[in-house]
Amino acid sequence: MNETKVKVVTADPSALGLFGLAMITLVASSQKLGLTSGVSFVIPWAIFLGASAQLMASINDFKHNNTFGATAFGGYAFFWYSVGLVWLIQNGVFGQALASTIDVKQLGFAYLGYLIFTLYMTIGAMETHKVLFIIFVLIDCLFIGLTLSSFGIMSEATHTFAAYSEMLIAVFSFYGSAASVLNAHFGRVFLPVGKPFGIFKK
């Protein structure tokens, strides 16, 4: 009996995932920086770009057998689903009883967990390319700021630190997305992303 193996070729989903990350961090940081107010019009971008676009990238990275990319995009996708739900709870969508029992320190512990996650993912990003490494370092800074702010430690300063970190994440993610699209489209290095550090990986 002959066995036939079929290889399914899928495109690199990084461009979509990074675009989703860029969009939500751009919109969310505008609120943190006081350029806009409220989260009513941030929530749709959190759900569809921050969460769903990155989840699609994660699923397709699993198909590429890319554990790092799949875990990164999947982890942050579910972060933005959770944040969107948190904002809905805070705004009383699920009733005032639930909104009135909020303990912001619980959010602080969630941010702390994501800081731990991002720290070891930053090590992995060192062996991908330098633009991605910069994005992860900035995400580290974002979660440091959010964690300290949620625990009431220098709240105003750490909140501002998180806001500027988030805006820079958007800038570098747009660049990373553009590089992923254009380099693949033109078949050459149109936008350089920097070589891996070559410290941990042969």
Protein backbone atom coordinates (compact mmCIF):
# COMPACT_ATOMS: atom_id res chain seq x y z
CA MET A 1 0.00 0.00 0.00
CA ASN A 2 1.49 3.31 -1.06
CA GLU A 3 1.43 6.23 1.32
CA THR A 4 1.15 9.75 -0.06
CA LYS A 5 2.17 12.74 2.03
CA VAL A 6 0.79 16.14 1.11
CA LYS A 7 2.58 19.29 2.25
CA VAL A 8 0.31 22.29 2.70
CA VAL A 9 2.19 25.55 2.10
CA THR A 10 0.93 28.58 3.99
CA ALA A 11 2.21 32.15 3.94
CA ASP A 12 4.11 33.63 6.88
CA PRO A 13 1.43 35.09 9.20
CA SER A 14 3.83 37.44 11.01
CA ALA A 15 2.82 40.46 8.93
CA LEU A 16 -0.83 40.13 9.98
CA GLY A 17 0.03 39.45 13.61
CA LEU A 18 2.36 42.44 13.85
CA PHE A 19 -0.17 44.68 12.10
CA GLY A 20 -2.82 43.64 14.64
CA LEU A 21 -0.40 44.41 17.47
CA ALA A 22 0.53 47.76 15.90
CA MET A 23 -3.08 48.85 15.51
CA ILE A 24 -4.26 48.05 19.03
CA THR A 25 -1.19 49.51 20.73
CA LEU A 26 -1.52 52.69 18.66
CA VAL A 27 -5.17 53.17 19.62
CA ALA A 28 -4.75 52.06 23.25
CA SER A 29 -1.68 54.25 23.83
CA SER A 30 -3.59 57.29 22.53
CA GLN A 31 -5.98 56.81 25.45
CA LYS A 32 -3.18 56.28 27.99
CA LEU A 33 -1.38 59.40 26.78
CA GLY A 34 -4.55 61.49 27.09
CA LEU A 35 -4.78 62.14 23.34
CA THR A 36 -8.20 60.45 23.40
CA SER A 37 -10.60 59.60 26.22
CA GLY A 38 -12.50 56.53 27.30
CA VAL A 39 -12.22 52.98 25.96
CA SER A 40 -15.54 52.63 24.09
CA PHE A 41 -13.85 52.93 20.69
CA VAL A 42 -10.72 51.07 21.84
CA ILE A 43 -12.62 47.84 22.57
CA PRO A 44 -13.40 46.93 18.91
CA TRP A 45 -9.73 47.28 17.96
CA ALA A 46 -8.73 45.20 20.98
CA ILE A 47 -11.10 42.39 19.98
CA PHE A 48 -10.57 42.33 16.22
CA LEU A 49 -6.98 43.54 15.71
CA GLY A 50 -5.23 42.99 19.02
CA ALA A 51 -6.92 39.66 19.66
CA SER A 52 -8.42 38.07 16.53
CA ALA A 53 -5.69 39.07 14.05
CA GLN A 54 -2.99 37.76 16.38
CA LEU A 55 -4.98 34.58 17.02
CA MET A 56 -5.13 33.96 13.25
CA ALA A 57 -1.37 34.48 13.07
CA SER A 58 -0.89 32.07 15.97
CA ILE A 59 -2.97 29.32 14.35
CA ASN A 60 -1.04 29.63 11.10
CA ASP A 61 2.30 29.66 12.91
CA PHE A 62 1.31 26.33 14.48
CA LYS A 63 0.90 25.06 10.90
CA HIS A 64 4.46 26.25 10.22
CA ASN A 65 5.66 24.28 13.26
CA ASN A 66 6.78 27.62 14.68
CA THR A 67 6.37 27.18 18.44
CA PHE A 68 7.78 30.60 19.26
CA GLY A 69 5.57 32.57 16.85
CA ALA A 70 2.47 30.56 17.66
CA THR A 71 2.95 31.00 21.41
CA ALA A 72 3.75 34.71 21.13
CA PHE A 73 0.83 35.64 18.89
CA GLY A 74 -1.55 33.31 20.75
CA GLY A 75 -0.50 34.57 24.16
CA TYR A 76 -1.00 38.22 23.26
CA ALA A 77 -4.22 37.47 21.38
CA PHE A 78 -5.79 36.10 24.54
CA PHE A 79 -4.36 39.04 26.49
CA TRP A 80 -6.32 41.46 24.32
CA TYR A 81 -9.49 39.35 24.52
CA SER A 82 -9.13 39.54 28.31
CA VAL A 83 -8.43 43.28 28.31
CA GLY A 84 -11.49 43.88 26.13
CA LEU A 85 -13.60 41.92 28.62
CA VAL A 86 -12.06 43.85 31.53
CA TRP A 87 -13.07 47.15 29.91
CA LEU A 88 -16.61 45.85 29.34
CA ILE A 89 -16.85 44.87 33.02
CA GLN A 90 -15.46 48.24 34.15
CA ASN A 91 -18.05 50.05 32.04
CA GLY A 92 -20.93 48.11 33.58
CA VAL A 93 -21.87 46.11 30.48
CA PHE A 94 -22.39 43.04 32.67
CA GLY A 95 -24.14 44.98 35.44
CA GLN A 96 -23.16 47.33 38.23
CA ALA A 97 -22.86 44.51 40.76
CA LEU A 98 -19.89 43.06 38.88
CA ALA A 99 -18.40 46.50 38.15
CA SER A 100 -18.59 47.51 41.82
CA THR A 101 -16.46 44.59 43.03
CA ILE A 102 -13.40 45.35 40.90
CA ASP A 103 -10.00 44.94 42.58
CA VAL A 104 -7.36 46.54 40.34
CA LYS A 105 -4.61 44.56 42.08
CA GLN A 106 -5.95 41.41 40.42
CA LEU A 107 -5.20 43.10 37.11
CA GLY A 108 -1.75 43.86 38.49
CA PHE A 109 -1.11 40.15 39.05
CA ALA A 110 -2.28 39.42 35.49
CA TYR A 111 0.14 42.03 34.16
CA LEU A 112 2.89 40.50 36.32
CA GLY A 113 2.18 37.10 34.78
CA TYR A 114 2.43 38.59 31.30
CA LEU A 115 5.67 40.32 32.26
CA ILE A 116 7.15 36.94 33.21
CA PHE A 117 5.87 35.48 29.91
CA THR A 118 7.32 38.37 27.91
CA LEU A 119 10.72 38.16 29.60
CA TYR A 120 11.37 34.60 28.45
CA MET A 121 9.85 35.34 25.04
CA THR A 122 12.31 38.24 24.76
CA ILE A 123 15.15 35.73 25.05
CA GLY A 124 13.60 33.78 22.17
CA ALA A 125 13.20 36.97 20.13
CA MET A 126 16.97 37.51 20.28
CA GLU A 127 17.36 34.61 17.87
CA THR A 128 14.64 35.81 15.46
CA HIS A 129 15.63 39.32 14.38
CA LYS A 130 16.50 42.62 16.02
CA VAL A 131 13.25 44.48 15.22
CA LEU A 132 11.26 41.74 16.96
CA PHE A 133 13.69 41.84 19.89
CA ILE A 134 13.12 45.61 20.25
CA ILE A 135 9.34 45.04 20.18
CA PHE A 136 9.62 42.48 22.98
CA VAL A 137 11.84 44.75 25.09
CA LEU A 138 9.21 47.49 24.72
CA ILE A 139 6.47 45.02 25.70
CA ASP A 140 8.57 44.23 28.80
CA CYS A 141 8.60 47.97 29.57
CA LEU A 142 4.83 48.16 28.99
CA PHE A 143 4.12 45.38 31.47
CA ILE A 144 6.55 46.78 34.03
CA GLY A 145 4.68 50.08 33.87
CA LEU A 146 1.21 48.47 33.95
CA THR A 147 2.13 46.16 36.83
CA LEU A 148 3.58 48.92 39.02
CA SER A 149 0.72 51.28 38.17
CA SER A 150 -1.91 48.66 39.05
CA PHE A 151 -0.24 48.05 42.42
CA GLY A 152 -0.23 51.81 43.10
CA ILE A 153 3.55 52.16 42.91
CA MET A 154 4.37 55.63 41.53
CA SER A 155 1.08 55.32 39.66
CA GLU A 156 1.27 58.43 37.49
CA ALA A 157 4.91 57.98 36.43
CA THR A 158 4.60 54.24 35.76
CA HIS A 159 1.35 54.76 33.82
CA THR A 160 3.10 57.34 31.62
CA PHE A 161 6.06 54.98 31.17
CA ALA A 162 3.63 52.26 30.02
CA ALA A 163 1.89 54.67 27.64
CA TYR A 164 5.07 55.74 25.83
CA SER A 165 6.29 52.13 25.71
CA GLU A 166 3.00 51.12 24.10
CA MET A 167 3.22 53.88 21.49
CA LEU A 168 6.74 52.74 20.58
CA ILE A 169 5.50 49.15 20.31
CA ALA A 170 3.06 50.40 17.66
CA VAL A 171 5.83 52.18 15.71
CA PHE A 172 8.17 49.17 15.62
CA SER A 173 5.32 46.72 14.97
CA PHE A 174 4.20 48.71 11.93
CA TYR A 175 7.79 48.57 10.67
CA GLY A 176 8.05 44.84 11.39
CA SER A 177 4.77 44.17 9.59
CA ALA A 178 5.84 46.25 6.59
CA ALA A 179 9.19 44.44 6.44
CA SER A 180 7.49 41.05 6.58
CA VAL A 181 5.12 41.94 3.73
CA LEU A 182 7.51 43.80 1.44
CA ASN A 183 10.54 41.53 1.90
CA ALA A 184 8.42 38.50 0.99
CA HIS A 185 6.63 40.33 -1.82
CA PHE A 186 9.81 41.56 -3.51
CA GLY A 187 11.87 38.47 -2.71
CA ARG A 188 14.70 40.54 -1.23
CA VAL A 189 15.54 42.63 1.81
CA PHE A 190 13.51 45.76 1.13
CA LEU A 191 13.32 46.77 4.80
CA PRO A 192 16.12 45.37 7.00
CA VAL A 193 15.15 43.81 10.34
CA GLY A 194 18.60 42.92 11.65
CA LYS A 195 20.22 39.53 12.04
CA PRO A 196 19.70 37.32 15.12
CA PHE A 197 22.16 37.85 17.95
CA GLY A 198 23.48 34.30 17.54
CA ILE A 199 24.12 33.84 21.26
CA PHE A 200 21.88 30.89 22.11
CA LYS A 201 21.18 29.27 18.76
CA LYS A 202 23.76 27.56 16.55
